[in-house]
Amino acid sequence: MIAGLLPALAQDLNVSLSATGHLVTAFSVAYAVGAPIMAVLTAHLERRRVLAIAIASFSVANLLAAMAPGYAALLAARLLLALSAGSFMPAASGYAAALGGPERRGRALSMVTNG
């Protein structure tokens, strides 16, 4: 989501454009690696609780990103954002599939992934 803002971020943070691009890469890697790990770690919790915690942590991480005083703080906030999103998507998919029942499972999953 921040790809279009990279030049402005690089200038504001006083880092190179490529270093700012690492914010996108770090998010993607943390999401890809963290999503399955977070799904396993939260498997014993109620899905609604996982969703609420993930949304709350995503909100906090966005606030931290908005207030980040420098590159390191923004990177840390982006990593928390990735883990929050990585926790939300498997939980939301599982919850939607269970609520939709067998006859509407595909539609429920498409609603989660497409918004």
N, C-alpha and C. Protein backbone atom coordinates (compact mmCIF):
# COMPACT_ATOMS: atom_id res chain seq x y z
N MET A 1 0.80 -1.19 0.00
CA MET A 1 0.00 0.00 0.00
C MET A 1 0.86 1.27 0.00
N ILE A 2 2.10 1.14 0.44
CA ILE A 2 2.93 2.34 0.53
C ILE A 2 3.83 2.53 -0.69
N ALA A 3 3.73 1.65 -1.68
CA ALA A 3 4.65 1.72 -2.82
C ALA A 3 4.62 3.09 -3.50
N GLY A 4 3.47 3.70 -3.64
CA GLY A 4 3.38 5.01 -4.27
C GLY A 4 3.97 6.14 -3.44
N LEU A 5 4.16 5.88 -2.16
CA LEU A 5 4.69 6.89 -1.25
C LEU A 5 6.20 6.77 -1.02
N LEU A 6 6.84 5.80 -1.64
CA LEU A 6 8.25 5.54 -1.35
C LEU A 6 9.16 6.75 -1.55
N PRO A 7 9.05 7.49 -2.64
CA PRO A 7 9.93 8.66 -2.78
C PRO A 7 9.74 9.69 -1.66
N ALA A 8 8.51 9.95 -1.30
CA ALA A 8 8.24 10.91 -0.23
C ALA A 8 8.73 10.38 1.11
N LEU A 9 8.54 9.09 1.35
CA LEU A 9 9.02 8.48 2.59
C LEU A 9 10.54 8.54 2.67
N ALA A 10 11.20 8.23 1.56
CA ALA A 10 12.66 8.25 1.54
C ALA A 10 13.17 9.64 1.89
N GLN A 11 12.56 10.64 1.32
CA GLN A 11 12.97 12.02 1.59
C GLN A 11 12.67 12.39 3.05
N ASP A 12 11.50 12.04 3.53
CA ASP A 12 11.11 12.38 4.90
C ASP A 12 11.97 11.66 5.94
N LEU A 13 12.29 10.39 5.67
CA LEU A 13 13.09 9.61 6.61
C LEU A 13 14.59 9.80 6.42
N ASN A 14 14.96 10.51 5.36
CA ASN A 14 16.37 10.78 5.05
C ASN A 14 17.15 9.48 4.83
N VAL A 15 16.54 8.58 4.06
CA VAL A 15 17.19 7.33 3.67
C VAL A 15 17.05 7.17 2.16
N SER A 16 17.79 6.21 1.61
CA SER A 16 17.73 6.00 0.17
C SER A 16 16.38 5.40 -0.24
N LEU A 17 16.08 5.54 -1.51
CA LEU A 17 14.84 4.99 -2.05
C LEU A 17 14.84 3.46 -1.92
N SER A 18 15.99 2.84 -2.13
CA SER A 18 16.05 1.39 -2.02
C SER A 18 15.84 0.94 -0.57
N ALA A 19 16.37 1.69 0.39
CA ALA A 19 16.14 1.36 1.80
C ALA A 19 14.67 1.47 2.14
N THR A 20 14.01 2.46 1.58
CA THR A 20 12.59 2.63 1.81
C THR A 20 11.81 1.50 1.16
N GLY A 21 12.28 1.02 0.03
CA GLY A 21 11.65 -0.13 -0.62
C GLY A 21 11.70 -1.38 0.24
N HIS A 22 12.68 -1.45 1.11
CA HIS A 22 12.77 -2.60 2.02
C HIS A 22 11.57 -2.65 2.98
N LEU A 23 10.89 -1.52 3.18
CA LEU A 23 9.69 -1.53 4.01
C LEU A 23 8.61 -2.40 3.39
N VAL A 24 8.53 -2.39 2.06
CA VAL A 24 7.57 -3.22 1.35
C VAL A 24 8.01 -4.68 1.40
N THR A 25 9.29 -4.90 1.15
CA THR A 25 9.83 -6.26 1.16
C THR A 25 9.71 -6.89 2.54
N ALA A 26 10.04 -6.14 3.58
CA ALA A 26 9.97 -6.67 4.94
C ALA A 26 8.55 -7.05 5.30
N PHE A 27 7.59 -6.21 4.91
CA PHE A 27 6.18 -6.53 5.17
C PHE A 27 5.80 -7.83 4.47
N SER A 28 6.16 -7.95 3.21
CA SER A 28 5.79 -9.13 2.42
C SER A 28 6.40 -10.41 2.99
N VAL A 29 7.67 -10.35 3.35
CA VAL A 29 8.35 -11.53 3.90
C VAL A 29 7.75 -11.88 5.27
N ALA A 30 7.53 -10.88 6.11
CA ALA A 30 6.96 -11.13 7.43
C ALA A 30 5.55 -11.71 7.31
N TYR A 31 4.79 -11.23 6.36
CA TYR A 31 3.44 -11.76 6.14
C TYR A 31 3.51 -13.22 5.67
N ALA A 32 4.36 -13.48 4.67
CA ALA A 32 4.46 -14.82 4.10
C ALA A 32 4.96 -15.84 5.12
N VAL A 33 5.94 -15.45 5.92
CA VAL A 33 6.49 -16.37 6.92
C VAL A 33 5.61 -16.39 8.16
N GLY A 34 5.09 -15.24 8.54
CA GLY A 34 4.34 -15.13 9.79
C GLY A 34 2.94 -15.68 9.75
N ALA A 35 2.27 -15.63 8.61
CA ALA A 35 0.87 -16.08 8.54
C ALA A 35 0.70 -17.54 8.96
N PRO A 36 1.48 -18.47 8.42
CA PRO A 36 1.29 -19.85 8.86
C PRO A 36 1.69 -20.06 10.33
N ILE A 37 2.71 -19.36 10.75
CA ILE A 37 3.15 -19.48 12.15
C ILE A 37 2.07 -18.94 13.09
N MET A 38 1.51 -17.78 12.75
CA MET A 38 0.46 -17.20 13.60
C MET A 38 -0.80 -18.08 13.57
N ALA A 39 -1.08 -18.71 12.44
CA ALA A 39 -2.24 -19.60 12.37
C ALA A 39 -2.07 -20.78 13.32
N VAL A 40 -0.87 -21.33 13.38
CA VAL A 40 -0.61 -22.45 14.29
C VAL A 40 -0.66 -21.98 15.74
N LEU A 41 -0.05 -20.82 16.01
CA LEU A 41 -0.01 -20.32 17.38
C LEU A 41 -1.39 -19.95 17.93
N THR A 42 -2.29 -19.56 17.04
CA THR A 42 -3.62 -19.13 17.49
C THR A 42 -4.70 -20.17 17.22
N ALA A 43 -4.31 -21.36 16.80
CA ALA A 43 -5.28 -22.40 16.43
C ALA A 43 -6.20 -22.79 17.59
N HIS A 44 -5.71 -22.71 18.80
CA HIS A 44 -6.51 -23.11 19.96
C HIS A 44 -7.47 -22.02 20.44
N LEU A 45 -7.34 -20.83 19.91
CA LEU A 45 -8.20 -19.72 20.33
C LEU A 45 -9.46 -19.65 19.49
N GLU A 46 -10.50 -19.07 20.06
CA GLU A 46 -11.74 -18.85 19.33
C GLU A 46 -11.47 -17.88 18.18
N ARG A 47 -12.02 -18.17 17.01
CA ARG A 47 -11.76 -17.36 15.80
C ARG A 47 -12.18 -15.90 16.00
N ARG A 48 -13.29 -15.67 16.63
CA ARG A 48 -13.74 -14.28 16.85
C ARG A 48 -12.74 -13.52 17.69
N ARG A 49 -12.17 -14.17 18.69
CA ARG A 49 -11.16 -13.53 19.54
C ARG A 49 -9.90 -13.22 18.74
N VAL A 50 -9.48 -14.15 17.91
CA VAL A 50 -8.29 -13.93 17.07
C VAL A 50 -8.53 -12.75 16.14
N LEU A 51 -9.73 -12.69 15.55
CA LEU A 51 -10.05 -11.59 14.65
C LEU A 51 -10.02 -10.25 15.38
N ALA A 52 -10.58 -10.21 16.58
CA ALA A 52 -10.60 -8.96 17.35
C ALA A 52 -9.20 -8.54 17.74
N ILE A 53 -8.38 -9.49 18.17
CA ILE A 53 -7.00 -9.16 18.55
C ILE A 53 -6.21 -8.70 17.32
N ALA A 54 -6.40 -9.38 16.20
CA ALA A 54 -5.68 -9.01 14.97
C ALA A 54 -6.06 -7.61 14.51
N ILE A 55 -7.35 -7.29 14.54
CA ILE A 55 -7.81 -5.95 14.14
C ILE A 55 -7.25 -4.89 15.08
N ALA A 56 -7.28 -5.18 16.37
CA ALA A 56 -6.77 -4.22 17.35
C ALA A 56 -5.27 -4.00 17.17
N SER A 57 -4.52 -5.08 16.98
CA SER A 57 -3.08 -4.92 16.81
C SER A 57 -2.76 -4.24 15.48
N PHE A 58 -3.56 -4.49 14.46
CA PHE A 58 -3.37 -3.81 13.18
C PHE A 58 -3.60 -2.31 13.34
N SER A 59 -4.61 -1.94 14.10
CA SER A 59 -4.90 -0.53 14.35
C SER A 59 -3.76 0.14 15.12
N VAL A 60 -3.29 -0.54 16.15
CA VAL A 60 -2.17 -0.01 16.95
C VAL A 60 -0.93 0.13 16.08
N ALA A 61 -0.65 -0.88 15.26
CA ALA A 61 0.52 -0.82 14.39
C ALA A 61 0.42 0.32 13.38
N ASN A 62 -0.77 0.58 12.86
CA ASN A 62 -0.95 1.72 11.96
C ASN A 62 -0.70 3.03 12.68
N LEU A 63 -1.16 3.13 13.89
CA LEU A 63 -0.91 4.32 14.69
C LEU A 63 0.58 4.49 14.95
N LEU A 64 1.26 3.41 15.29
CA LEU A 64 2.71 3.46 15.50
C LEU A 64 3.44 3.85 14.21
N ALA A 65 2.98 3.34 13.09
CA ALA A 65 3.60 3.69 11.81
C ALA A 65 3.41 5.18 11.50
N ALA A 66 2.22 5.67 11.78
CA ALA A 66 1.94 7.09 11.52
C ALA A 66 2.79 8.00 12.40
N MET A 67 3.11 7.54 13.60
CA MET A 67 3.87 8.37 14.54
C MET A 67 5.36 8.02 14.58
N ALA A 68 5.80 7.11 13.72
CA ALA A 68 7.19 6.65 13.74
C ALA A 68 8.15 7.81 13.53
N PRO A 69 9.10 7.98 14.45
CA PRO A 69 10.05 9.09 14.32
C PRO A 69 11.17 8.83 13.33
N GLY A 70 11.36 7.58 12.94
CA GLY A 70 12.45 7.26 12.03
C GLY A 70 12.23 5.94 11.33
N TYR A 71 13.24 5.57 10.56
CA TYR A 71 13.16 4.38 9.73
C TYR A 71 12.97 3.11 10.56
N ALA A 72 13.75 2.93 11.60
CA ALA A 72 13.69 1.71 12.41
C ALA A 72 12.31 1.53 13.05
N ALA A 73 11.76 2.60 13.56
CA ALA A 73 10.43 2.52 14.17
C ALA A 73 9.36 2.20 13.12
N LEU A 74 9.50 2.77 11.94
CA LEU A 74 8.55 2.49 10.87
C LEU A 74 8.68 1.04 10.41
N LEU A 75 9.89 0.54 10.33
CA LEU A 75 10.11 -0.86 9.96
C LEU A 75 9.48 -1.80 10.99
N ALA A 76 9.68 -1.49 12.27
CA ALA A 76 9.08 -2.31 13.33
C ALA A 76 7.56 -2.28 13.24
N ALA A 77 6.99 -1.12 12.98
CA ALA A 77 5.53 -1.01 12.85
C ALA A 77 5.04 -1.80 11.65
N ARG A 78 5.79 -1.77 10.56
CA ARG A 78 5.41 -2.53 9.36
C ARG A 78 5.45 -4.04 9.63
N LEU A 79 6.42 -4.47 10.43
CA LEU A 79 6.49 -5.89 10.77
C LEU A 79 5.30 -6.30 11.63
N LEU A 80 4.92 -5.45 12.57
CA LEU A 80 3.73 -5.72 13.38
C LEU A 80 2.47 -5.71 12.51
N LEU A 81 2.41 -4.82 11.54
CA LEU A 81 1.29 -4.79 10.61
C LEU A 81 1.19 -6.11 9.84
N ALA A 82 2.33 -6.62 9.39
CA ALA A 82 2.34 -7.87 8.62
C ALA A 82 1.89 -9.04 9.48
N LEU A 83 2.37 -9.11 10.71
CA LEU A 83 1.96 -10.21 11.59
C LEU A 83 0.48 -10.11 11.95
N SER A 84 -0.01 -8.89 12.12
CA SER A 84 -1.43 -8.70 12.41
C SER A 84 -2.29 -9.15 11.22
N ALA A 85 -1.90 -8.72 10.04
CA ALA A 85 -2.64 -9.12 8.84
C ALA A 85 -2.51 -10.62 8.61
N GLY A 86 -1.33 -11.17 8.89
CA GLY A 86 -1.11 -12.59 8.75
C GLY A 86 -1.90 -13.41 9.75
N SER A 87 -2.26 -12.83 10.86
CA SER A 87 -3.12 -13.50 11.84
C SER A 87 -4.59 -13.40 11.42
N PHE A 88 -4.94 -12.28 10.83
CA PHE A 88 -6.33 -12.03 10.49
C PHE A 88 -6.83 -12.91 9.34
N MET A 89 -6.08 -12.98 8.27
CA MET A 89 -6.57 -13.65 7.07
C MET A 89 -6.88 -15.13 7.27
N PRO A 90 -6.01 -15.93 7.88
CA PRO A 90 -6.39 -17.34 8.09
C PRO A 90 -7.60 -17.47 9.02
N ALA A 91 -7.65 -16.66 10.06
CA ALA A 91 -8.78 -16.72 10.99
C ALA A 91 -10.07 -16.31 10.29
N ALA A 92 -10.01 -15.26 9.49
CA ALA A 92 -11.21 -14.80 8.78
C ALA A 92 -11.66 -15.84 7.76
N SER A 93 -10.73 -16.45 7.07
CA SER A 93 -11.09 -17.48 6.09
C SER A 93 -11.73 -18.68 6.76
N GLY A 94 -11.14 -19.13 7.86
CA GLY A 94 -11.70 -20.26 8.59
C GLY A 94 -13.08 -19.96 9.15
N TYR A 95 -13.23 -18.78 9.70
CA TYR A 95 -14.50 -18.37 10.27
C TYR A 95 -15.58 -18.26 9.19
N ALA A 96 -15.22 -17.66 8.06
CA ALA A 96 -16.18 -17.51 6.97
C ALA A 96 -16.59 -18.87 6.40
N ALA A 97 -15.63 -19.77 6.26
CA ALA A 97 -15.95 -21.10 5.72
C ALA A 97 -16.88 -21.85 6.67
N ALA A 98 -16.66 -21.70 7.96
CA ALA A 98 -17.51 -22.38 8.94
C ALA A 98 -18.91 -21.78 8.97
N LEU A 99 -18.99 -20.47 8.88
CA LEU A 99 -20.30 -19.81 8.92
C LEU A 99 -21.11 -20.06 7.65
N GLY A 100 -20.44 -20.10 6.52
CA GLY A 100 -21.14 -20.25 5.25
C GLY A 100 -21.72 -21.63 5.03
N GLY A 101 -21.18 -22.62 5.71
CA GLY A 101 -21.64 -23.98 5.50
C GLY A 101 -21.11 -24.53 4.19
N PRO A 102 -21.28 -25.81 3.96
CA PRO A 102 -20.71 -26.45 2.77
C PRO A 102 -21.22 -25.87 1.45
N GLU A 103 -22.48 -25.49 1.41
CA GLU A 103 -23.05 -25.00 0.14
C GLU A 103 -22.64 -23.57 -0.20
N ARG A 104 -22.17 -22.82 0.77
CA ARG A 104 -21.78 -21.42 0.51
C ARG A 104 -20.32 -21.15 0.87
N ARG A 105 -19.55 -22.17 1.07
CA ARG A 105 -18.16 -22.01 1.50
C ARG A 105 -17.35 -21.19 0.49
N GLY A 106 -17.48 -21.49 -0.78
CA GLY A 106 -16.73 -20.76 -1.81
C GLY A 106 -17.09 -19.27 -1.85
N ARG A 107 -18.35 -18.99 -1.76
CA ARG A 107 -18.81 -17.58 -1.75
C ARG A 107 -18.29 -16.85 -0.50
N ALA A 108 -18.34 -17.52 0.65
CA ALA A 108 -17.86 -16.91 1.89
C ALA A 108 -16.37 -16.62 1.81
N LEU A 109 -15.60 -17.55 1.28
CA LEU A 109 -14.15 -17.33 1.15
C LEU A 109 -13.84 -16.22 0.15
N SER A 110 -14.61 -16.13 -0.91
CA SER A 110 -14.37 -15.05 -1.89
C SER A 110 -14.71 -13.69 -1.29
N MET A 111 -15.68 -13.66 -0.41
CA MET A 111 -16.02 -12.39 0.27
C MET A 111 -14.88 -11.94 1.19
N VAL A 112 -14.24 -12.89 1.85
CA VAL A 112 -13.13 -12.55 2.74
C VAL A 112 -11.94 -12.06 1.92
N THR A 113 -11.59 -12.78 0.87
CA THR A 113 -10.39 -12.42 0.12
C THR A 113 -10.59 -11.20 -0.78
N ASN A 114 -11.81 -10.98 -1.23
CA ASN A 114 -12.06 -9.84 -2.11
C ASN A 114 -12.60 -8.62 -1.38
N GLY A 115 -13.00 -8.77 -0.15
CA GLY A 115 -13.48 -7.64 0.63
C GLY A 115 -14.90 -7.38 0.54
